Amino acid sequence: MSKLEDNVNDILGIEKKEEKFSLKEFEQPAPVPKKIDETKDDIDNDYAHSRDNYYNLIDKGNEAIEGILDIAKEGQHPRAYEVAGQLIGQVAQTVDKLQDLQKKLKDLKELPKSANTNIKNALFVGSTNELQKMLNKKDDEKVIDGTTENKTD
C-alpha cells in the first residue's frame, strides 16, 4: 500500500490486512494431452480426438448459455438475450457437426466394402510405337492348355 492509503486507514481506524493470494488458487490445471492409440488407425484416432473436442465445446457452450441467461434475467437487457440466442445457435451447430462426424466415419468405414473394382476407363501413356509393340506381343502369345507359348519360339 502507498503512504496515503496507510494514513487514510489510520485516520479511519481500519486495520491493515495483508492478504496474500497464491496464483495456484486461480490456476486451472493444464489439459492433459491425449495419447495416440497406436493400435488404431489414423481415422479412428482423428475421430476420437474430434469427438472429444466437440463434446468439450458443447459442454463449455452449455455453461456459457447458463451464464448469459443469468445475466439476461438480472439485467433484462435485449442485447443479452440476443447474445444468448446466438450462443444457443452456435451450440446447436456444434451438435450438428458432431452428428456429421458420425456419418462421415460411417461412410469412411463402408467405403472399402462398397468400392467398385471394375475398371471403366483405362489410359495408356506412351508413344504409338510402344503401343504397337505391346499389342503385337500379346498377339504373338498363344495360350495352349493353360500354358503360354510364344509363336517365335
C-alpha atoms as a PDB file:
ATOM      1  CA  MET A   1       0.000   0.000   0.000  1.00  0.00           C
ATOM      2  CA  SER A   2       1.046   3.567  -0.519  1.00  0.00           C
ATOM      3  CA  LYS A   3       1.719   6.065   2.244  1.00  0.00           C
ATOM      4  CA  LEU A   4      -1.541   7.906   1.514  1.00  0.00           C
ATOM      5  CA  GLU A   5      -3.552   4.727   1.876  1.00  0.00           C
ATOM      6  CA  ASP A   6      -1.800   3.944   5.164  1.00  0.00           C
ATOM      7  CA  ASN A   7      -2.625   7.434   6.517  1.00  0.00           C
ATOM      8  CA  VAL A   8      -6.271   7.194   5.471  1.00  0.00           C
ATOM      9  CA  ASN A   9      -6.552   3.759   7.043  1.00  0.00           C
ATOM     10  CA  ASP A  10      -5.049   5.113  10.303  1.00  0.00           C
ATOM     11  CA  ILE A  11      -7.461   8.066  10.365  1.00  0.00           C
ATOM     12  CA  LEU A  12     -10.489   5.867   9.698  1.00  0.00           C
ATOM     13  CA  GLY A  13      -9.320   3.221  12.125  1.00  0.00           C
ATOM     14  CA  ILE A  14      -9.093   0.496   9.556  1.00  0.00           C
ATOM     15  CA  GLU A  15      -6.653  -2.210  10.407  1.00  0.00           C
ATOM     16  CA  LYS A  16      -4.143  -3.071   7.810  1.00  0.00           C
ATOM     17  CA  LYS A  17      -4.753  -6.544   6.479  1.00  0.00           C
ATOM     18  CA  GLU A  18      -2.313  -8.136   4.220  1.00  0.00           C
ATOM     19  CA  GLU A  19      -3.940 -10.744   2.155  1.00  0.00           C
ATOM     20  CA  LYS A  20      -1.681 -12.792   0.068  1.00  0.00           C
ATOM     21  CA  PHE A  21      -3.217 -14.689  -2.741  1.00  0.00           C
ATOM     22  CA  SER A  22      -1.463 -17.537  -4.302  1.00  0.00           C
ATOM     23  CA  LEU A  23      -1.635 -17.887  -8.034  1.00  0.00           C
ATOM     24  CA  LYS A  24      -2.213 -21.585  -7.532  1.00  0.00           C
ATOM     25  CA  GLU A  25      -5.683 -20.806  -6.188  1.00  0.00           C
ATOM     26  CA  PHE A  26      -6.682 -19.269  -9.510  1.00  0.00           C
ATOM     27  CA  GLU A  27      -4.817 -21.504 -11.896  1.00  0.00           C
ATOM     28  CA  GLN A  28      -6.678 -24.178 -13.715  1.00  0.00           C
ATOM     29  CA  PRO A  29      -4.955 -27.452 -14.299  1.00  0.00           C
ATOM     30  CA  ALA A  30      -3.359 -27.791 -17.689  1.00  0.00           C
ATOM     31  CA  PRO A  31      -5.246 -30.089 -20.006  1.00  0.00           C
ATOM     32  CA  VAL A  32      -3.700 -33.496 -20.283  1.00  0.00           C
ATOM     33  CA  PRO A  33      -2.896 -34.226 -23.918  1.00  0.00           C
ATOM     34  CA  LYS A  34      -4.491 -37.373 -25.230  1.00  0.00           C
ATOM     35  CA  LYS A  35      -2.120 -40.089 -26.244  1.00  0.00           C
ATOM     36  CA  ILE A  36      -2.487 -41.562 -29.683  1.00  0.00           C
ATOM     37  CA  ASP A  37      -3.585 -45.163 -29.595  1.00  0.00           C
ATOM     38  CA  GLU A  38      -1.107 -46.966 -31.817  1.00  0.00           C
ATOM     39  CA  THR A  39      -3.423 -49.956 -32.179  1.00  0.00           C
ATOM     40  CA  LYS A  40      -5.976 -47.859 -34.047  1.00  0.00           C
ATOM     41  CA  ASP A  41      -5.533 -46.327 -37.472  1.00  0.00           C
ATOM     42  CA  ASP A  42      -5.461 -42.589 -38.180  1.00  0.00           C
ATOM     43  CA  ILE A  43      -9.158 -42.416 -38.977  1.00  0.00           C
ATOM     44  CA  ASP A  44     -10.131 -43.833 -35.582  1.00  0.00           C
ATOM     45  CA  ASN A  45      -7.659 -41.608 -33.720  1.00  0.00           C
ATOM     46  CA  ASP A  46      -8.839 -38.498 -35.564  1.00  0.00           C
ATOM     47  CA  TYR A  47     -12.448 -39.440 -34.936  1.00  0.00           C
ATOM     48  CA  ALA A  48     -11.864 -39.923 -31.203  1.00  0.00           C
ATOM     49  CA  HIS A  49      -9.978 -36.623 -30.931  1.00  0.00           C
ATOM     50  CA  SER A  50     -12.600 -34.700 -32.904  1.00  0.00           C
ATOM     51  CA  ARG A  51     -15.402 -36.265 -30.902  1.00  0.00           C
ATOM     52  CA  ASP A  52     -13.760 -35.312 -27.608  1.00  0.00           C
ATOM     53  CA  ASN A  53     -13.275 -31.745 -28.834  1.00  0.00           C
ATOM     54  CA  TYR A  54     -16.908 -31.464 -29.933  1.00  0.00           C
ATOM     55  CA  TYR A  55     -18.105 -32.751 -26.560  1.00  0.00           C
ATOM     56  CA  ASN A  56     -15.836 -30.254 -24.809  1.00  0.00           C
ATOM     57  CA  LEU A  57     -17.156 -27.399 -26.968  1.00  0.00           C
ATOM     58  CA  ILE A  58     -20.743 -28.411 -26.285  1.00  0.00           C
ATOM     59  CA  ASP A  59     -20.115 -28.568 -22.516  1.00  0.00           C
ATOM     60  CA  LYS A  60     -18.413 -25.154 -22.477  1.00  0.00           C
ATOM     61  CA  GLY A  61     -21.199 -23.743 -24.653  1.00  0.00           C
ATOM     62  CA  ASN A  62     -23.845 -25.010 -22.237  1.00  0.00           C
ATOM     63  CA  GLU A  63     -22.003 -23.410 -19.320  1.00  0.00           C
ATOM     64  CA  ALA A  64     -21.801 -20.140 -21.248  1.00  0.00           C
ATOM     65  CA  ILE A  65     -25.517 -20.319 -22.070  1.00  0.00           C
ATOM     66  CA  GLU A  66     -26.385 -20.737 -18.397  1.00  0.00           C
ATOM     67  CA  GLY A  67     -24.188 -17.754 -17.504  1.00  0.00           C
ATOM     68  CA  ILE A  68     -25.540 -15.452 -20.205  1.00  0.00           C
ATOM     69  CA  LEU A  69     -29.133 -16.396 -19.362  1.00  0.00           C
ATOM     70  CA  ASP A  70     -28.497 -15.472 -15.715  1.00  0.00           C
ATOM     71  CA  ILE A  71     -27.097 -12.122 -16.838  1.00  0.00           C
ATOM     72  CA  ALA A  72     -30.038 -11.601 -19.197  1.00  0.00           C
ATOM     73  CA  LYS A  73     -32.555 -12.347 -16.428  1.00  0.00           C
ATOM     74  CA  GLU A  74     -30.884  -9.950 -13.999  1.00  0.00           C
ATOM     75  CA  GLY A  75     -30.369  -7.100 -16.436  1.00  0.00           C
ATOM     76  CA  GLN A  76     -33.441  -7.576 -18.632  1.00  0.00           C
ATOM     77  CA  HIS A  77     -31.427  -6.096 -21.485  1.00  0.00           C
ATOM     78  CA  PRO A  78     -32.417  -7.136 -25.022  1.00  0.00           C
ATOM     79  CA  ARG A  79     -28.793  -7.400 -26.163  1.00  0.00           C
ATOM     80  CA  ALA A  80     -28.097 -10.035 -23.504  1.00  0.00           C
ATOM     81  CA  TYR A  81     -30.999 -12.123 -24.807  1.00  0.00           C
ATOM     82  CA  GLU A  82     -29.724 -11.659 -28.359  1.00  0.00           C
ATOM     83  CA  VAL A  83     -26.281 -12.916 -27.373  1.00  0.00           C
ATOM     84  CA  ALA A  84     -27.889 -15.863 -25.561  1.00  0.00           C
ATOM     85  CA  GLY A  85     -29.842 -16.736 -28.690  1.00  0.00           C
ATOM     86  CA  GLN A  86     -26.698 -16.601 -30.839  1.00  0.00           C
ATOM     87  CA  LEU A  87     -24.843 -18.774 -28.374  1.00  0.00           C
ATOM     88  CA  ILE A  88     -27.644 -21.333 -28.361  1.00  0.00           C
ATOM     89  CA  GLY A  89     -27.481 -21.397 -32.175  1.00  0.00           C
ATOM     90  CA  GLN A  90     -23.725 -21.972 -32.129  1.00  0.00           C
ATOM     91  CA  VAL A  91     -24.044 -24.855 -29.673  1.00  0.00           C
ATOM     92  CA  ALA A  92     -26.763 -26.356 -31.869  1.00  0.00           C
ATOM     93  CA  GLN A  93     -24.415 -26.110 -34.884  1.00  0.00           C
ATOM     94  CA  THR A  94     -21.706 -27.892 -32.903  1.00  0.00           C
ATOM     95  CA  VAL A  95     -24.151 -30.693 -32.103  1.00  0.00           C
ATOM     96  CA  ASP A  96     -24.941 -30.957 -35.828  1.00  0.00           C
ATOM     97  CA  LYS A  97     -21.219 -31.136 -36.603  1.00  0.00           C
ATOM     98  CA  LEU A  98     -20.884 -33.968 -34.091  1.00  0.00           C
ATOM     99  CA  GLN A  99     -23.641 -35.861 -35.886  1.00  0.00           C
ATOM    100  CA  ASP A 100     -21.980 -35.161 -39.250  1.00  0.00           C
ATOM    101  CA  LEU A 101     -18.754 -36.573 -37.838  1.00  0.00           C
ATOM    102  CA  GLN A 102     -20.588 -39.811 -37.017  1.00  0.00           C
ATOM    103  CA  LYS A 103     -21.954 -40.022 -40.567  1.00  0.00           C
ATOM    104  CA  LYS A 104     -18.560 -39.316 -42.144  1.00  0.00           C
ATOM    105  CA  LEU A 105     -16.898 -42.034 -40.080  1.00  0.00           C
ATOM    106  CA  LYS A 106     -19.604 -44.497 -41.074  1.00  0.00           C
ATOM    107  CA  ASP A 107     -19.112 -43.571 -44.746  1.00  0.00           C
ATOM    108  CA  LEU A 108     -15.334 -43.964 -44.466  1.00  0.00           C
ATOM    109  CA  LYS A 109     -15.659 -47.395 -42.907  1.00  0.00           C
ATOM    110  CA  GLU A 110     -18.152 -48.560 -45.558  1.00  0.00           C
ATOM    111  CA  LEU A 111     -16.115 -47.202 -48.490  1.00  0.00           C
ATOM    112  CA  PRO A 112     -13.764 -50.186 -48.902  1.00  0.00           C
ATOM    113  CA  LYS A 113     -16.687 -52.627 -48.863  1.00  0.00           C
ATOM    114  CA  SER A 114     -18.667 -50.768 -51.481  1.00  0.00           C
ATOM    115  CA  ALA A 115     -15.789 -49.757 -53.736  1.00  0.00           C
ATOM    116  CA  ASN A 116     -16.317 -50.810 -57.335  1.00  0.00           C
ATOM    117  CA  THR A 117     -13.362 -52.806 -58.617  1.00  0.00           C
ATOM    118  CA  ASN A 118     -14.351 -52.706 -62.283  1.00  0.00           C
ATOM    119  CA  ILE A 119     -12.102 -50.626 -64.493  1.00  0.00           C
ATOM    120  CA  LYS A 120     -14.225 -48.437 -66.724  1.00  0.00           C
ATOM    121  CA  ASN A 121     -11.633 -46.268 -68.430  1.00  0.00           C
ATOM    122  CA  ALA A 122      -8.070 -47.426 -68.951  1.00  0.00           C
ATOM    123  CA  LEU A 123      -5.490 -44.950 -70.134  1.00  0.00           C
ATOM    124  CA  PHE A 124      -2.269 -45.835 -71.930  1.00  0.00           C
ATOM    125  CA  VAL A 125       0.521 -43.342 -71.601  1.00  0.00           C
ATOM    126  CA  GLY A 126       3.210 -43.833 -74.186  1.00  0.00           C
ATOM    127  CA  SER A 127       4.017 -43.488 -77.849  1.00  0.00           C
ATOM    128  CA  THR A 128       2.148 -45.243 -80.653  1.00  0.00           C
ATOM    129  CA  ASN A 129       5.248 -47.298 -81.353  1.00  0.00           C
ATOM    130  CA  GLU A 130       5.254 -48.633 -77.768  1.00  0.00           C
ATOM    131  CA  LEU A 131       1.526 -49.385 -78.032  1.00  0.00           C
ATOM    132  CA  GLN A 132       2.044 -51.356 -81.278  1.00  0.00           C
ATOM    133  CA  LYS A 133       4.855 -53.365 -79.691  1.00  0.00           C
ATOM    134  CA  MET A 134       2.688 -54.174 -76.692  1.00  0.00           C
ATOM    135  CA  LEU A 135      -0.252 -55.223 -78.890  1.00  0.00           C
ATOM    136  CA  ASN A 136       1.974 -57.316 -81.198  1.00  0.00           C
ATOM    137  CA  LYS A 137       3.489 -59.060 -78.181  1.00  0.00           C
ATOM    138  CA  LYS A 138       0.003 -60.046 -76.992  1.00  0.00           C
ATOM    139  CA  ASP A 139      -0.868 -61.327 -80.468  1.00  0.00           C
ATOM    140  CA  ASP A 140       2.312 -63.412 -80.566  1.00  0.00           C
ATOM    141  CA  GLU A 141       1.449 -65.176 -77.318  1.00  0.00           C
ATOM    142  CA  LYS A 142      -0.813 -68.177 -77.589  1.00  0.00           C
ATOM    143  CA  VAL A 143      -2.444 -69.967 -74.704  1.00  0.00           C
ATOM    144  CA  ILE A 144      -2.403 -73.760 -75.028  1.00  0.00           C
ATOM    145  CA  ASP A 145      -3.715 -75.960 -72.208  1.00  0.00           C
ATOM    146  CA  GLY A 146      -3.182 -73.201 -69.611  1.00  0.00           C
ATOM    147  CA  THR A 147       0.456 -72.570 -70.603  1.00  0.00           C
ATOM    148  CA  THR A 148       1.734 -69.629 -72.584  1.00  0.00           C
ATOM    149  CA  GLU A 149       3.901 -70.150 -75.622  1.00  0.00           C
ATOM    150  CA  ASN A 150       5.376 -67.596 -77.944  1.00  0.00           C
ATOM    151  CA  LYS A 151       4.949 -68.106 -81.714  1.00  0.00           C
ATOM    152  CA  THR A 152       8.547 -67.000 -82.245  1.00  0.00           C
ATOM    153  CA  ASP A 153       9.927 -70.000 -80.270  1.00  0.00           C
END
